[in-house]
């Protein structure tokens, strides 16, 4: 089992920045691919970014490319999401996830955090 706890959400005006963190505990963190997903009210959960356990392969959704940066620290067992130039359409609950392989499909991820709210006002 891997336990994931997100932090860093909040409210910000459009154009602002937030940094989300996900702390992992339990089984060894490093072999897992890590990802961030988000779910806005009335919408399905969508992929945001993912990071191979080695850090060598990173994927982003087109909607966040150039604005968001995912990073991980396998010593501290954390994965972060730096979000810049935030837009109102980024408003959602953001979830951290861990799984055996890198994917943009939420079905490939085994462990999930409880989510953290991000609200961007115009």
N, C-alpha and C. Protein backbone atom coordinates (compact mmCIF):
# COMPACT_ATOMS: atom_id res chain seq x y z
N UNK A 1 0.83 -1.20 0.00
CA UNK A 1 0.00 0.00 0.00
C UNK A 1 0.87 1.26 0.00
N UNK A 2 0.40 2.25 -0.70
CA UNK A 2 1.03 3.57 -0.71
C UNK A 2 -0.04 4.57 -0.29
N UNK A 3 0.27 5.37 0.69
CA UNK A 3 -0.65 6.42 1.12
C UNK A 3 -0.16 7.75 0.54
N UNK A 4 -1.09 8.49 -0.02
CA UNK A 4 -0.75 9.77 -0.66
C UNK A 4 -1.56 10.89 -0.01
N UNK A 5 -0.89 11.98 0.32
CA UNK A 5 -1.55 13.12 0.94
C UNK A 5 -1.13 14.39 0.20
N UNK A 6 -2.13 15.05 -0.39
CA UNK A 6 -1.85 16.29 -1.12
C UNK A 6 -1.95 17.49 -0.20
N UNK A 7 -1.25 18.55 -0.57
CA UNK A 7 -1.34 19.82 0.14
C UNK A 7 -1.00 20.94 -0.83
N UNK A 8 -1.30 22.17 -0.43
CA UNK A 8 -0.91 23.31 -1.23
C UNK A 8 -2.01 23.95 -2.05
N UNK A 9 -3.19 23.38 -2.03
CA UNK A 9 -4.29 23.98 -2.76
C UNK A 9 -4.73 25.29 -2.12
N UNK A 10 -5.60 26.01 -2.82
CA UNK A 10 -6.09 27.26 -2.29
C UNK A 10 -6.76 28.08 -3.37
N UNK A 11 -6.94 29.35 -3.06
CA UNK A 11 -7.59 30.28 -3.99
C UNK A 11 -6.58 31.30 -4.48
N UNK A 12 -6.64 31.60 -5.76
CA UNK A 12 -5.70 32.55 -6.35
C UNK A 12 -6.39 33.25 -7.51
N UNK A 13 -5.93 34.43 -7.82
CA UNK A 13 -6.48 35.14 -8.97
C UNK A 13 -5.82 34.65 -10.25
N UNK A 14 -6.51 34.85 -11.35
CA UNK A 14 -5.98 34.45 -12.65
C UNK A 14 -4.61 35.09 -12.87
N UNK A 15 -3.70 34.29 -13.40
CA UNK A 15 -2.33 34.75 -13.60
C UNK A 15 -1.40 34.41 -12.46
N UNK A 16 -1.96 33.99 -11.34
CA UNK A 16 -1.17 33.66 -10.18
C UNK A 16 -0.60 32.26 -10.23
N UNK A 17 0.05 31.88 -9.14
CA UNK A 17 0.73 30.59 -9.06
C UNK A 17 0.37 29.86 -7.78
N UNK A 18 0.43 28.55 -7.85
CA UNK A 18 0.29 27.69 -6.68
C UNK A 18 1.23 26.50 -6.86
N UNK A 19 1.65 25.94 -5.75
CA UNK A 19 2.49 24.75 -5.78
C UNK A 19 1.83 23.67 -4.95
N UNK A 20 1.47 22.59 -5.60
CA UNK A 20 0.88 21.44 -4.92
C UNK A 20 1.97 20.44 -4.57
N UNK A 21 1.81 19.81 -3.43
CA UNK A 21 2.74 18.76 -3.02
C UNK A 21 1.97 17.50 -2.67
N UNK A 22 2.61 16.37 -2.90
CA UNK A 22 2.01 15.08 -2.58
C UNK A 22 3.07 14.29 -1.83
N UNK A 23 2.76 13.94 -0.60
CA UNK A 23 3.68 13.16 0.22
C UNK A 23 3.23 11.70 0.24
N UNK A 24 4.16 10.81 -0.05
CA UNK A 24 3.86 9.38 -0.11
C UNK A 24 4.46 8.66 1.09
N UNK A 25 3.75 7.69 1.57
CA UNK A 25 4.24 6.85 2.66
C UNK A 25 3.78 5.43 2.42
N UNK A 26 4.37 4.49 3.14
CA UNK A 26 4.00 3.10 2.97
C UNK A 26 5.08 2.36 2.21
N UNK A 27 4.69 1.70 1.15
CA UNK A 27 5.65 0.94 0.35
C UNK A 27 6.64 1.86 -0.34
N UNK A 28 7.70 1.29 -0.86
CA UNK A 28 8.73 2.06 -1.54
C UNK A 28 8.13 2.92 -2.64
N UNK A 29 8.45 4.15 -2.61
CA UNK A 29 7.88 5.16 -3.49
C UNK A 29 8.48 5.13 -4.88
N UNK A 30 9.77 4.89 -4.97
CA UNK A 30 10.47 5.16 -6.22
C UNK A 30 10.05 4.33 -7.42
N UNK A 31 9.61 3.07 -7.31
CA UNK A 31 9.27 2.36 -8.55
C UNK A 31 7.99 2.83 -9.21
N UNK A 32 7.24 3.69 -8.58
CA UNK A 32 5.94 4.07 -9.11
C UNK A 32 6.02 5.28 -10.03
N UNK A 33 5.19 5.21 -11.06
CA UNK A 33 4.92 6.41 -11.83
C UNK A 33 3.96 7.25 -11.00
N UNK A 34 4.17 8.56 -11.04
CA UNK A 34 3.32 9.47 -10.29
C UNK A 34 2.62 10.41 -11.24
N UNK A 35 1.43 10.80 -10.88
CA UNK A 35 0.67 11.67 -11.77
C UNK A 35 -0.24 12.60 -10.97
N UNK A 36 -0.63 13.64 -11.63
CA UNK A 36 -1.66 14.54 -11.12
C UNK A 36 -2.85 14.51 -12.08
N UNK A 37 -4.02 14.39 -11.51
CA UNK A 37 -5.28 14.49 -12.23
C UNK A 37 -6.09 15.60 -11.58
N UNK A 38 -7.13 16.03 -12.26
CA UNK A 38 -8.03 17.02 -11.67
C UNK A 38 -9.46 16.75 -12.10
N UNK A 39 -10.38 17.22 -11.28
CA UNK A 39 -11.79 17.06 -11.60
C UNK A 39 -12.52 18.34 -11.23
N UNK A 40 -13.10 18.96 -12.24
CA UNK A 40 -13.90 20.16 -12.05
C UNK A 40 -15.35 19.76 -11.80
N UNK A 41 -16.14 20.62 -11.18
CA UNK A 41 -17.54 20.30 -10.91
C UNK A 41 -18.30 19.94 -12.19
N UNK A 42 -18.97 18.83 -12.17
CA UNK A 42 -19.78 18.41 -13.31
C UNK A 42 -18.99 17.82 -14.46
N UNK A 43 -17.70 17.65 -14.26
CA UNK A 43 -16.86 17.11 -15.34
C UNK A 43 -16.16 15.84 -14.87
N UNK A 44 -15.68 15.07 -15.84
CA UNK A 44 -14.93 13.87 -15.51
C UNK A 44 -13.51 14.23 -15.10
N UNK A 45 -12.91 13.31 -14.36
CA UNK A 45 -11.53 13.51 -13.95
C UNK A 45 -10.64 13.49 -15.18
N UNK A 46 -9.68 14.40 -15.24
CA UNK A 46 -8.81 14.48 -16.40
C UNK A 46 -7.34 14.49 -15.99
N UNK A 47 -6.53 14.00 -16.90
CA UNK A 47 -5.08 13.93 -16.70
C UNK A 47 -4.48 15.33 -16.75
N UNK A 48 -3.50 15.56 -15.87
CA UNK A 48 -2.79 16.84 -15.87
C UNK A 48 -1.31 16.63 -16.22
N UNK A 49 -0.63 15.76 -15.46
CA UNK A 49 0.81 15.54 -15.69
C UNK A 49 1.23 14.23 -15.05
N UNK A 50 2.28 13.63 -15.59
CA UNK A 50 2.81 12.39 -15.01
C UNK A 50 4.32 12.38 -15.11
N UNK A 51 4.92 11.57 -14.22
CA UNK A 51 6.37 11.57 -14.09
C UNK A 51 6.82 10.14 -13.84
N UNK A 52 7.64 9.59 -14.73
CA UNK A 52 8.20 8.26 -14.56
C UNK A 52 9.03 8.21 -13.27
N UNK A 53 9.15 7.03 -12.70
CA UNK A 53 9.85 6.92 -11.42
C UNK A 53 11.26 7.45 -11.50
N UNK A 54 11.89 7.33 -12.66
CA UNK A 54 13.26 7.81 -12.82
C UNK A 54 13.31 9.32 -13.04
N UNK A 55 12.16 9.91 -13.31
CA UNK A 55 12.13 11.32 -13.64
C UNK A 55 12.50 11.62 -15.07
N UNK A 56 12.81 10.56 -15.84
CA UNK A 56 13.31 10.76 -17.20
C UNK A 56 12.21 10.96 -18.23
N UNK A 57 11.00 10.59 -17.90
CA UNK A 57 9.89 10.75 -18.83
C UNK A 57 8.78 11.52 -18.14
N UNK A 58 8.38 12.62 -18.74
CA UNK A 58 7.34 13.47 -18.18
C UNK A 58 6.33 13.78 -19.27
N UNK A 59 5.07 13.71 -18.91
CA UNK A 59 4.00 14.03 -19.85
C UNK A 59 3.09 15.08 -19.25
N UNK A 60 2.55 15.93 -20.11
CA UNK A 60 1.61 16.97 -19.69
C UNK A 60 0.40 16.95 -20.60
N UNK A 61 -0.73 17.31 -20.04
CA UNK A 61 -1.89 17.57 -20.86
C UNK A 61 -1.64 18.84 -21.67
N UNK A 62 -2.18 18.89 -22.86
CA UNK A 62 -1.96 20.06 -23.72
C UNK A 62 -2.42 21.34 -23.03
N UNK A 63 -3.44 21.24 -22.23
CA UNK A 63 -4.04 22.42 -21.60
C UNK A 63 -3.12 23.06 -20.56
N UNK A 64 -2.11 22.33 -20.09
CA UNK A 64 -1.24 22.88 -19.04
C UNK A 64 0.22 23.01 -19.49
N UNK A 65 0.54 22.53 -20.67
CA UNK A 65 1.91 22.62 -21.16
C UNK A 65 2.42 24.05 -21.15
N UNK A 66 3.63 24.21 -20.65
CA UNK A 66 4.23 25.53 -20.59
C UNK A 66 3.85 26.33 -19.36
N UNK A 67 2.86 25.83 -18.61
CA UNK A 67 2.41 26.54 -17.40
C UNK A 67 2.65 25.73 -16.13
N UNK A 68 2.51 24.42 -16.24
CA UNK A 68 2.66 23.54 -15.08
C UNK A 68 3.97 22.75 -15.20
N UNK A 69 4.57 22.45 -14.05
CA UNK A 69 5.77 21.63 -14.01
C UNK A 69 5.64 20.58 -12.91
N UNK A 70 5.80 19.32 -13.29
CA UNK A 70 5.78 18.24 -12.31
C UNK A 70 7.21 17.86 -11.97
N UNK A 71 7.45 17.56 -10.70
CA UNK A 71 8.77 17.13 -10.27
C UNK A 71 8.61 16.15 -9.11
N UNK A 72 9.63 15.34 -8.90
CA UNK A 72 9.55 14.38 -7.81
C UNK A 72 10.89 14.26 -7.11
N UNK A 73 10.83 13.88 -5.86
CA UNK A 73 12.03 13.64 -5.06
C UNK A 73 11.88 12.26 -4.44
N UNK A 74 12.62 11.30 -4.97
CA UNK A 74 12.48 9.91 -4.52
C UNK A 74 13.12 9.67 -3.15
N UNK A 75 13.90 10.62 -2.67
CA UNK A 75 14.47 10.51 -1.33
C UNK A 75 13.44 10.99 -0.30
N UNK A 76 12.81 12.10 -0.62
CA UNK A 76 11.80 12.65 0.29
C UNK A 76 10.42 12.05 0.06
N UNK A 77 10.29 11.24 -1.00
CA UNK A 77 9.00 10.62 -1.33
C UNK A 77 7.91 11.66 -1.56
N UNK A 78 8.24 12.63 -2.36
CA UNK A 78 7.26 13.67 -2.68
C UNK A 78 7.20 13.89 -4.20
N UNK A 79 6.06 14.33 -4.64
CA UNK A 79 5.90 14.78 -6.02
C UNK A 79 5.17 16.11 -5.97
N UNK A 80 5.64 17.05 -6.76
CA UNK A 80 5.11 18.40 -6.73
C UNK A 80 4.55 18.81 -8.07
N UNK A 81 3.65 19.76 -8.03
CA UNK A 81 3.11 20.34 -9.25
C UNK A 81 3.15 21.86 -9.10
N UNK A 82 4.06 22.48 -9.81
CA UNK A 82 4.15 23.93 -9.83
C UNK A 82 3.22 24.44 -10.91
N UNK A 83 2.28 25.28 -10.53
CA UNK A 83 1.27 25.77 -11.46
C UNK A 83 1.41 27.28 -11.58
N UNK A 84 1.77 27.74 -12.77
CA UNK A 84 1.93 29.16 -13.04
C UNK A 84 0.90 29.63 -14.06
N UNK A 85 0.72 30.92 -14.15
CA UNK A 85 -0.22 31.50 -15.12
C UNK A 85 -1.58 30.82 -15.03
N UNK A 86 -2.07 30.68 -13.84
CA UNK A 86 -3.32 29.95 -13.64
C UNK A 86 -4.50 30.67 -14.29
N UNK A 87 -5.44 29.87 -14.76
CA UNK A 87 -6.63 30.37 -15.43
C UNK A 87 -7.86 29.89 -14.67
N UNK A 88 -8.98 30.57 -14.81
CA UNK A 88 -10.21 30.11 -14.13
C UNK A 88 -10.57 28.67 -14.50
N UNK A 89 -10.26 28.27 -15.72
CA UNK A 89 -10.58 26.90 -16.13
C UNK A 89 -9.69 25.84 -15.47
N UNK A 90 -8.68 26.28 -14.72
CA UNK A 90 -7.87 25.34 -13.94
C UNK A 90 -8.53 24.98 -12.61
N UNK A 91 -9.61 25.66 -12.29
CA UNK A 91 -10.32 25.38 -11.05
C UNK A 91 -10.81 23.94 -11.01
N UNK A 92 -10.42 23.22 -9.97
CA UNK A 92 -10.77 21.81 -9.86
C UNK A 92 -10.23 21.28 -8.54
N UNK A 93 -10.63 20.06 -8.22
CA UNK A 93 -9.95 19.30 -7.16
C UNK A 93 -8.82 18.54 -7.83
N UNK A 94 -7.63 18.69 -7.30
CA UNK A 94 -6.44 18.06 -7.87
C UNK A 94 -6.06 16.84 -7.03
N UNK A 95 -5.82 15.73 -7.74
CA UNK A 95 -5.51 14.46 -7.10
C UNK A 95 -4.12 14.00 -7.50
N UNK A 96 -3.40 13.47 -6.53
CA UNK A 96 -2.13 12.81 -6.76
C UNK A 96 -2.39 11.31 -6.89
N UNK A 97 -1.67 10.66 -7.79
CA UNK A 97 -1.88 9.22 -8.00
C UNK A 97 -0.56 8.52 -8.24
N UNK A 98 -0.51 7.24 -7.86
CA UNK A 98 0.68 6.41 -8.06
C UNK A 98 0.28 5.11 -8.74
N UNK A 99 1.09 4.66 -9.68
CA UNK A 99 0.78 3.43 -10.38
C UNK A 99 2.04 2.78 -10.93
N UNK A 100 1.89 1.55 -11.42
CA UNK A 100 3.04 0.79 -11.87
C UNK A 100 3.63 1.24 -13.19
N UNK A 101 2.88 2.02 -13.97
CA UNK A 101 3.40 2.44 -15.27
C UNK A 101 2.92 3.84 -15.60
N UNK A 102 3.70 4.53 -16.42
CA UNK A 102 3.36 5.89 -16.81
C UNK A 102 2.18 5.88 -17.75
N UNK A 103 1.18 6.67 -17.48
CA UNK A 103 -0.01 6.69 -18.32
C UNK A 103 -0.77 7.98 -18.08
N UNK A 104 -1.58 8.36 -19.06
CA UNK A 104 -2.48 9.49 -18.85
C UNK A 104 -3.91 9.01 -18.59
N UNK A 105 -4.05 7.72 -18.35
CA UNK A 105 -5.35 7.15 -18.03
C UNK A 105 -5.46 6.90 -16.53
N UNK A 106 -6.52 7.40 -15.92
CA UNK A 106 -6.63 7.24 -14.47
C UNK A 106 -6.79 5.78 -14.07
N UNK A 107 -7.26 4.93 -14.99
CA UNK A 107 -7.41 3.52 -14.69
C UNK A 107 -6.10 2.79 -14.44
N UNK A 108 -4.99 3.39 -14.86
CA UNK A 108 -3.68 2.74 -14.69
C UNK A 108 -3.07 3.03 -13.31
N UNK A 109 -3.70 3.88 -12.54
CA UNK A 109 -3.12 4.28 -11.26
C UNK A 109 -3.86 3.57 -10.11
N UNK A 110 -3.06 3.03 -9.23
CA UNK A 110 -3.58 2.17 -8.16
C UNK A 110 -3.92 2.94 -6.89
N UNK A 111 -3.09 3.92 -6.56
CA UNK A 111 -3.24 4.63 -5.29
C UNK A 111 -3.55 6.10 -5.55
N UNK A 112 -4.44 6.63 -4.72
CA UNK A 112 -4.91 8.00 -4.90
C UNK A 112 -4.90 8.75 -3.59
N UNK A 113 -4.63 10.05 -3.67
CA UNK A 113 -4.79 10.92 -2.52
C UNK A 113 -6.23 11.37 -2.39
N UNK A 114 -6.50 12.16 -1.37
CA UNK A 114 -7.86 12.60 -1.09
C UNK A 114 -8.25 13.83 -1.90
N UNK A 115 -7.28 14.49 -2.50
CA UNK A 115 -7.55 15.65 -3.34
C UNK A 115 -7.37 16.96 -2.59
N UNK A 116 -7.04 18.00 -3.34
CA UNK A 116 -6.92 19.34 -2.78
C UNK A 116 -7.55 20.33 -3.75
N UNK A 117 -8.32 21.26 -3.21
CA UNK A 117 -9.07 22.19 -4.05
C UNK A 117 -8.18 23.34 -4.53
N UNK A 118 -8.29 23.62 -5.82
CA UNK A 118 -7.66 24.79 -6.41
C UNK A 118 -8.75 25.63 -7.04
N UNK A 119 -8.83 26.88 -6.65
CA UNK A 119 -9.84 27.80 -7.19
C UNK A 119 -9.14 29.02 -7.76
N UNK A 120 -9.41 29.29 -9.03
CA UNK A 120 -8.80 30.43 -9.72
C UNK A 120 -9.91 31.39 -10.11
N UNK A 121 -9.85 32.60 -9.61
CA UNK A 121 -10.88 33.60 -9.89
C UNK A 121 -10.40 34.55 -10.98
N UNK A 122 -11.37 35.05 -11.74
CA UNK A 122 -11.02 35.95 -12.85
C UNK A 122 -10.96 37.39 -12.40
